[in-house]
Amino acid sequence: MKTVILSLVLAVAAAAPQYGRQDSSEKGAPILRDERIQEDDGRYNFDVETGNGITLSQSGSPVAEGAIASAGQFSYTAPDGTPVSLKFVADENGFQPQSDLLPVAPEFPHPIPDFVLRQIEFAQQQEAARAREGGRSYE
């Protein structure tokens, strides 16, 4: 039985897609530009560009003890040929990426589906019944 399980695990591992592996054309991408500046006060800036179209730019500066605010962008071409570009800011408000490829939540207020409204009403009825019976409220 152990042999069968081991064989299945090995077969699945061998058949799994190899994400993150470079094909032979990507291994030798030359670095066209690599400019880095690090100031004594903690400010920094770097720009990198490779021969296969990857670009990365970022700059940052200290804003509080142990914290750095940074902003930058990167771009590359996805394996399916889609151009990928992302700009970001990372500061006291967290990481804030911007890209046309990121999913976007629907505008609010948006219509609430009927089944959700019915579930909310049902929960309110249960809560009211619990309160009438002297039961514990979950609010």
N, C-alpha and C. Protein backbone atom coordinates (compact mmCIF):
# COMPACT_ATOMS: atom_id res chain seq x y z
N MET A 1 0.82 -1.19 0.00
CA MET A 1 0.00 0.00 0.00
C MET A 1 0.87 1.27 0.00
N LYS A 2 1.95 1.22 0.81
CA LYS A 2 2.84 2.38 0.87
C LYS A 2 3.48 2.65 -0.49
N THR A 3 3.78 1.58 -1.22
CA THR A 3 4.39 1.73 -2.54
C THR A 3 3.43 2.41 -3.50
N VAL A 4 2.15 2.06 -3.42
CA VAL A 4 1.14 2.68 -4.29
C VAL A 4 1.02 4.16 -3.99
N ILE A 5 0.95 4.51 -2.71
CA ILE A 5 0.84 5.92 -2.31
C ILE A 5 2.08 6.69 -2.74
N LEU A 6 3.25 6.12 -2.51
CA LEU A 6 4.48 6.79 -2.91
C LEU A 6 4.52 6.98 -4.42
N SER A 7 4.08 6.00 -5.17
CA SER A 7 4.05 6.11 -6.63
C SER A 7 3.10 7.22 -7.08
N LEU A 8 1.94 7.30 -6.42
CA LEU A 8 0.98 8.36 -6.76
C LEU A 8 1.55 9.75 -6.47
N VAL A 9 2.20 9.88 -5.31
CA VAL A 9 2.79 11.17 -4.95
C VAL A 9 3.86 11.57 -5.95
N LEU A 10 4.71 10.63 -6.33
CA LEU A 10 5.77 10.93 -7.30
C LEU A 10 5.18 11.28 -8.68
N ALA A 11 4.11 10.58 -9.07
CA ALA A 11 3.48 10.88 -10.36
C ALA A 11 2.87 12.27 -10.37
N VAL A 12 2.22 12.65 -9.27
CA VAL A 12 1.63 13.99 -9.19
C VAL A 12 2.73 15.05 -9.20
N ALA A 13 3.80 14.82 -8.46
CA ALA A 13 4.89 15.79 -8.43
C ALA A 13 5.53 15.95 -9.80
N ALA A 14 5.68 14.86 -10.52
CA ALA A 14 6.29 14.94 -11.85
C ALA A 14 5.39 15.63 -12.85
N ALA A 15 4.07 15.49 -12.68
CA ALA A 15 3.12 16.08 -13.63
C ALA A 15 2.79 17.52 -13.30
N ALA A 16 3.13 17.99 -12.11
CA ALA A 16 2.78 19.35 -11.69
C ALA A 16 3.50 20.37 -12.54
N PRO A 17 2.83 21.50 -12.84
CA PRO A 17 3.50 22.56 -13.59
C PRO A 17 4.68 23.11 -12.80
N GLN A 18 5.72 23.49 -13.48
CA GLN A 18 6.93 23.97 -12.84
C GLN A 18 6.94 25.49 -12.80
N TYR A 19 6.16 26.07 -11.88
CA TYR A 19 6.08 27.52 -11.76
C TYR A 19 7.40 28.08 -11.28
N GLY A 20 7.71 29.25 -11.76
CA GLY A 20 8.91 29.92 -11.32
C GLY A 20 10.18 29.46 -12.02
N ARG A 21 10.10 28.47 -12.84
CA ARG A 21 11.28 28.02 -13.57
C ARG A 21 11.43 28.84 -14.84
N GLN A 22 12.63 29.20 -15.11
CA GLN A 22 12.91 29.97 -16.31
C GLN A 22 13.17 29.03 -17.48
N ASP A 23 12.69 29.42 -18.65
CA ASP A 23 13.10 28.62 -19.81
C ASP A 23 14.48 29.10 -20.23
N SER A 24 15.10 28.40 -21.12
CA SER A 24 16.49 28.67 -21.47
C SER A 24 16.69 30.07 -22.03
N SER A 25 15.66 30.67 -22.64
CA SER A 25 15.82 32.01 -23.20
C SER A 25 15.89 33.08 -22.13
N GLU A 26 15.42 32.80 -20.90
CA GLU A 26 15.40 33.80 -19.83
C GLU A 26 16.65 33.76 -18.97
N LYS A 27 17.42 32.70 -19.01
CA LYS A 27 18.53 32.53 -18.09
C LYS A 27 19.62 33.58 -18.27
N GLY A 28 19.85 34.02 -19.49
CA GLY A 28 20.95 34.92 -19.72
C GLY A 28 20.53 36.35 -19.97
N ALA A 29 19.39 36.79 -19.45
CA ALA A 29 18.93 38.16 -19.70
C ALA A 29 19.94 39.15 -19.13
N PRO A 30 20.52 39.97 -19.98
CA PRO A 30 21.54 40.91 -19.49
C PRO A 30 20.90 42.05 -18.70
N ILE A 31 21.66 42.56 -17.76
CA ILE A 31 21.25 43.74 -17.01
C ILE A 31 21.67 44.95 -17.83
N LEU A 32 20.69 45.71 -18.32
CA LEU A 32 20.99 46.88 -19.15
C LEU A 32 21.28 48.11 -18.30
N ARG A 33 20.60 48.18 -17.15
CA ARG A 33 20.78 49.34 -16.28
C ARG A 33 20.61 48.88 -14.84
N ASP A 34 21.49 49.30 -13.97
CA ASP A 34 21.41 48.99 -12.54
C ASP A 34 22.00 50.17 -11.79
N GLU A 35 21.15 51.11 -11.47
CA GLU A 35 21.59 52.33 -10.79
C GLU A 35 21.03 52.33 -9.38
N ARG A 36 21.92 52.43 -8.40
CA ARG A 36 21.50 52.39 -6.99
C ARG A 36 22.16 53.53 -6.24
N ILE A 37 21.35 54.20 -5.43
CA ILE A 37 21.86 55.29 -4.59
C ILE A 37 21.36 55.03 -3.17
N GLN A 38 22.29 55.02 -2.22
CA GLN A 38 21.95 54.86 -0.81
C GLN A 38 22.56 56.02 -0.05
N GLU A 39 21.72 56.88 0.49
CA GLU A 39 22.22 58.04 1.24
C GLU A 39 22.46 57.66 2.70
N ASP A 40 23.30 58.43 3.37
CA ASP A 40 23.62 58.18 4.77
C ASP A 40 22.41 58.36 5.69
N ASP A 41 21.46 59.19 5.28
CA ASP A 41 20.29 59.43 6.12
C ASP A 41 19.18 58.39 5.91
N GLY A 42 19.44 57.37 5.08
CA GLY A 42 18.46 56.30 4.89
C GLY A 42 17.67 56.40 3.60
N ARG A 43 17.78 57.53 2.90
CA ARG A 43 17.08 57.64 1.62
C ARG A 43 17.76 56.74 0.60
N TYR A 44 16.97 56.21 -0.30
CA TYR A 44 17.54 55.35 -1.34
C TYR A 44 16.74 55.50 -2.64
N ASN A 45 17.37 55.06 -3.71
CA ASN A 45 16.74 55.07 -5.03
C ASN A 45 17.43 54.01 -5.86
N PHE A 46 16.65 53.24 -6.61
CA PHE A 46 17.27 52.32 -7.56
C PHE A 46 16.40 52.15 -8.79
N ASP A 47 17.08 51.91 -9.90
CA ASP A 47 16.46 51.67 -11.19
C ASP A 47 17.18 50.49 -11.82
N VAL A 48 16.40 49.49 -12.25
CA VAL A 48 16.97 48.30 -12.87
C VAL A 48 16.18 48.01 -14.14
N GLU A 49 16.90 47.63 -15.19
CA GLU A 49 16.26 47.22 -16.45
C GLU A 49 17.05 46.04 -17.00
N THR A 50 16.33 45.01 -17.44
CA THR A 50 16.97 43.83 -18.00
C THR A 50 16.70 43.74 -19.49
N GLY A 51 17.48 42.91 -20.16
CA GLY A 51 17.35 42.75 -21.59
C GLY A 51 16.07 42.06 -22.04
N ASN A 52 15.36 41.43 -21.11
CA ASN A 52 14.11 40.78 -21.48
C ASN A 52 12.89 41.64 -21.14
N GLY A 53 13.11 42.94 -20.91
CA GLY A 53 11.99 43.87 -20.75
C GLY A 53 11.51 44.11 -19.34
N ILE A 54 12.17 43.57 -18.34
CA ILE A 54 11.78 43.82 -16.95
C ILE A 54 12.37 45.14 -16.51
N THR A 55 11.53 46.00 -15.93
CA THR A 55 12.01 47.26 -15.35
C THR A 55 11.50 47.37 -13.92
N LEU A 56 12.31 47.99 -13.07
CA LEU A 56 11.96 48.19 -11.67
C LEU A 56 12.58 49.49 -11.21
N SER A 57 11.75 50.35 -10.63
CA SER A 57 12.23 51.60 -10.05
C SER A 57 11.60 51.74 -8.67
N GLN A 58 12.41 52.18 -7.72
CA GLN A 58 11.88 52.37 -6.37
C GLN A 58 12.70 53.42 -5.66
N SER A 59 12.05 54.19 -4.82
CA SER A 59 12.74 55.16 -3.97
C SER A 59 12.06 55.16 -2.62
N GLY A 60 12.79 55.55 -1.60
CA GLY A 60 12.23 55.57 -0.26
C GLY A 60 13.02 56.46 0.66
N SER A 61 12.39 56.77 1.78
CA SER A 61 13.05 57.59 2.79
C SER A 61 12.46 57.28 4.16
N PRO A 62 13.28 57.42 5.20
CA PRO A 62 12.78 57.17 6.55
C PRO A 62 11.69 58.18 6.91
N VAL A 63 10.65 57.70 7.59
CA VAL A 63 9.56 58.60 8.02
C VAL A 63 9.37 58.54 9.53
N ALA A 64 9.80 57.47 10.15
CA ALA A 64 9.70 57.32 11.60
C ALA A 64 10.76 56.31 12.02
N GLU A 65 10.95 56.16 13.30
CA GLU A 65 11.96 55.24 13.81
C GLU A 65 11.71 53.84 13.27
N GLY A 66 12.62 53.35 12.42
CA GLY A 66 12.51 52.01 11.88
C GLY A 66 11.54 51.85 10.73
N ALA A 67 10.92 52.94 10.28
CA ALA A 67 9.94 52.85 9.19
C ALA A 67 10.43 53.63 7.97
N ILE A 68 10.14 53.09 6.81
CA ILE A 68 10.53 53.74 5.56
C ILE A 68 9.31 53.83 4.67
N ALA A 69 9.07 55.00 4.11
CA ALA A 69 8.03 55.17 3.10
C ALA A 69 8.70 54.99 1.75
N SER A 70 8.07 54.21 0.89
CA SER A 70 8.66 54.00 -0.42
C SER A 70 7.59 54.05 -1.50
N ALA A 71 8.05 54.30 -2.71
CA ALA A 71 7.17 54.32 -3.88
C ALA A 71 7.97 53.79 -5.05
N GLY A 72 7.25 53.20 -5.98
CA GLY A 72 7.97 52.66 -7.13
C GLY A 72 7.04 52.06 -8.15
N GLN A 73 7.66 51.39 -9.09
CA GLN A 73 6.89 50.71 -10.14
C GLN A 73 7.73 49.61 -10.74
N PHE A 74 7.04 48.62 -11.31
CA PHE A 74 7.74 47.60 -12.07
C PHE A 74 6.88 47.21 -13.26
N SER A 75 7.53 46.66 -14.26
CA SER A 75 6.79 46.18 -15.44
C SER A 75 7.56 45.03 -16.06
N TYR A 76 6.79 44.16 -16.72
CA TYR A 76 7.35 43.02 -17.42
C TYR A 76 6.26 42.48 -18.35
N THR A 77 6.60 41.51 -19.16
CA THR A 77 5.63 40.86 -20.02
C THR A 77 5.37 39.46 -19.47
N ALA A 78 4.10 39.16 -19.20
CA ALA A 78 3.72 37.85 -18.67
C ALA A 78 3.96 36.78 -19.73
N PRO A 79 4.05 35.52 -19.31
CA PRO A 79 4.28 34.44 -20.28
C PRO A 79 3.25 34.38 -21.40
N ASP A 80 2.02 34.84 -21.15
CA ASP A 80 1.01 34.82 -22.20
C ASP A 80 1.08 36.04 -23.11
N GLY A 81 2.08 36.92 -22.88
CA GLY A 81 2.25 38.10 -23.72
C GLY A 81 1.60 39.36 -23.18
N THR A 82 0.90 39.25 -22.06
CA THR A 82 0.23 40.41 -21.47
C THR A 82 1.25 41.34 -20.82
N PRO A 83 1.23 42.64 -21.18
CA PRO A 83 2.12 43.58 -20.49
C PRO A 83 1.61 43.80 -19.06
N VAL A 84 2.49 43.68 -18.10
CA VAL A 84 2.15 43.85 -16.69
C VAL A 84 2.88 45.09 -16.19
N SER A 85 2.13 45.99 -15.57
CA SER A 85 2.72 47.20 -15.00
C SER A 85 2.03 47.47 -13.68
N LEU A 86 2.81 47.79 -12.65
CA LEU A 86 2.26 48.07 -11.34
C LEU A 86 3.01 49.23 -10.72
N LYS A 87 2.28 50.19 -10.19
CA LYS A 87 2.85 51.29 -9.42
C LYS A 87 2.41 51.09 -7.97
N PHE A 88 3.24 51.52 -7.03
CA PHE A 88 2.87 51.33 -5.64
C PHE A 88 3.43 52.43 -4.74
N VAL A 89 2.78 52.56 -3.61
CA VAL A 89 3.24 53.40 -2.51
C VAL A 89 3.14 52.52 -1.27
N ALA A 90 4.16 52.55 -0.44
CA ALA A 90 4.14 51.83 0.83
C ALA A 90 4.53 52.83 1.90
N ASP A 91 3.58 53.16 2.76
CA ASP A 91 3.83 54.16 3.80
C ASP A 91 3.02 53.82 5.04
N GLU A 92 2.75 54.80 5.87
CA GLU A 92 2.00 54.56 7.10
C GLU A 92 0.59 54.04 6.84
N ASN A 93 0.11 54.17 5.61
CA ASN A 93 -1.22 53.66 5.25
C ASN A 93 -1.15 52.26 4.65
N GLY A 94 0.03 51.64 4.65
CA GLY A 94 0.18 50.30 4.12
C GLY A 94 0.63 50.29 2.67
N PHE A 95 0.59 49.11 2.09
CA PHE A 95 0.99 48.92 0.70
C PHE A 95 -0.21 49.22 -0.18
N GLN A 96 -0.02 50.14 -1.14
CA GLN A 96 -1.12 50.58 -2.00
C GLN A 96 -0.73 50.41 -3.46
N PRO A 97 -1.02 49.24 -4.02
CA PRO A 97 -0.68 49.00 -5.43
C PRO A 97 -1.72 49.59 -6.37
N GLN A 98 -1.29 49.94 -7.57
CA GLN A 98 -2.20 50.42 -8.61
C GLN A 98 -1.81 49.76 -9.93
N SER A 99 -2.78 49.06 -10.53
CA SER A 99 -2.54 48.41 -11.81
C SER A 99 -3.89 48.10 -12.45
N ASP A 100 -3.95 48.17 -13.76
CA ASP A 100 -5.17 47.80 -14.47
C ASP A 100 -5.45 46.30 -14.33
N LEU A 101 -4.46 45.52 -13.94
CA LEU A 101 -4.63 44.08 -13.84
C LEU A 101 -5.12 43.62 -12.47
N LEU A 102 -5.17 44.52 -11.49
CA LEU A 102 -5.64 44.16 -10.15
C LEU A 102 -7.17 44.14 -10.13
N PRO A 103 -7.75 43.18 -9.41
CA PRO A 103 -9.21 43.16 -9.30
C PRO A 103 -9.71 44.38 -8.52
N VAL A 104 -10.89 44.83 -8.87
CA VAL A 104 -11.47 46.01 -8.23
C VAL A 104 -12.82 45.62 -7.65
N ALA A 105 -13.05 46.01 -6.42
CA ALA A 105 -14.34 45.75 -5.78
C ALA A 105 -15.42 46.57 -6.47
N PRO A 106 -16.65 46.07 -6.49
CA PRO A 106 -17.72 46.85 -7.11
C PRO A 106 -17.99 48.13 -6.35
N GLU A 107 -18.50 49.12 -7.06
CA GLU A 107 -18.85 50.39 -6.43
C GLU A 107 -19.88 50.13 -5.34
N PHE A 108 -19.80 50.87 -4.26
CA PHE A 108 -20.78 50.74 -3.19
C PHE A 108 -21.52 52.05 -3.07
N PRO A 109 -22.77 52.09 -2.83
CA PRO A 109 -23.60 50.92 -2.56
C PRO A 109 -24.00 50.23 -3.85
N HIS A 110 -23.94 48.93 -3.79
CA HIS A 110 -24.38 48.12 -4.92
C HIS A 110 -25.61 47.34 -4.47
N PRO A 111 -26.39 46.84 -5.38
CA PRO A 111 -27.59 46.09 -4.98
C PRO A 111 -27.21 44.86 -4.15
N ILE A 112 -27.91 44.68 -3.05
CA ILE A 112 -27.69 43.52 -2.21
C ILE A 112 -28.63 42.42 -2.68
N PRO A 113 -28.12 41.23 -2.94
CA PRO A 113 -28.98 40.14 -3.43
C PRO A 113 -30.09 39.81 -2.44
N ASP A 114 -31.22 39.38 -2.96
CA ASP A 114 -32.38 39.06 -2.12
C ASP A 114 -32.06 38.00 -1.07
N PHE A 115 -31.28 36.97 -1.43
CA PHE A 115 -31.00 35.92 -0.45
C PHE A 115 -30.21 36.47 0.74
N VAL A 116 -29.39 37.49 0.50
CA VAL A 116 -28.64 38.10 1.59
C VAL A 116 -29.58 38.90 2.48
N LEU A 117 -30.50 39.65 1.87
CA LEU A 117 -31.47 40.41 2.65
C LEU A 117 -32.34 39.48 3.50
N ARG A 118 -32.75 38.34 2.92
CA ARG A 118 -33.55 37.37 3.68
C ARG A 118 -32.76 36.80 4.85
N GLN A 119 -31.47 36.54 4.64
CA GLN A 119 -30.63 36.01 5.72
C GLN A 119 -30.46 37.04 6.83
N ILE A 120 -30.30 38.29 6.47
CA ILE A 120 -30.18 39.36 7.48
C ILE A 120 -31.47 39.46 8.28
N GLU A 121 -32.60 39.44 7.59
CA GLU A 121 -33.89 39.51 8.28
C GLU A 121 -34.08 38.32 9.21
N PHE A 122 -33.71 37.12 8.76
CA PHE A 122 -33.81 35.92 9.58
C PHE A 122 -32.95 36.05 10.83
N ALA A 123 -31.73 36.55 10.68
CA ALA A 123 -30.84 36.72 11.83
C ALA A 123 -31.41 37.74 12.82
N GLN A 124 -32.03 38.80 12.32
CA GLN A 124 -32.65 39.79 13.20
C GLN A 124 -33.83 39.19 13.96
N GLN A 125 -34.61 38.34 13.28
CA GLN A 125 -35.73 37.68 13.95
C GLN A 125 -35.23 36.75 15.05
N GLN A 126 -34.18 36.01 14.78
CA GLN A 126 -33.61 35.13 15.79
C GLN A 126 -33.09 35.92 16.98
N GLU A 127 -32.44 37.02 16.70
CA GLU A 127 -31.90 37.87 17.77
C GLU A 127 -33.03 38.44 18.62
N ALA A 128 -34.12 38.89 17.97
CA ALA A 128 -35.27 39.43 18.71
C ALA A 128 -35.91 38.34 19.57
N ALA A 129 -36.05 37.13 19.02
CA ALA A 129 -36.63 36.02 19.79
C ALA A 129 -35.75 35.69 20.99
N ARG A 130 -34.46 35.69 20.81
CA ARG A 130 -33.52 35.40 21.90
C ARG A 130 -33.64 36.47 22.99
N ALA A 131 -33.80 37.73 22.57
CA ALA A 131 -33.92 38.83 23.54
C ALA A 131 -35.22 38.70 24.33
N ARG A 132 -36.31 38.30 23.64
CA ARG A 132 -37.60 38.14 24.34
C ARG A 132 -37.53 37.02 25.36
N GLU A 133 -36.76 36.00 25.08
CA GLU A 133 -36.62 34.85 25.98
C GLU A 133 -35.60 35.10 27.07
N GLY A 134 -34.97 36.26 27.04
CA GLY A 134 -33.96 36.59 28.05
C GLY A 134 -32.63 35.95 27.76
N GLY A 135 -32.47 35.50 26.54
CA GLY A 135 -31.22 34.86 26.13
C GLY A 135 -30.14 35.89 25.89
N ARG A 136 -28.97 35.40 25.63
CA ARG A 136 -27.80 36.25 25.41
C ARG A 136 -27.86 36.87 24.03
N SER A 137 -27.54 38.15 23.94
CA SER A 137 -27.47 38.85 22.66
C SER A 137 -26.05 38.79 22.12
N TYR A 138 -25.91 38.73 20.83
CA TYR A 138 -24.58 38.65 20.21
C TYR A 138 -24.10 39.99 19.68
N GLU A 139 -24.71 41.05 20.04
CA GLU A 139 -24.28 42.38 19.55
C GLU A 139 -23.16 42.91 20.35
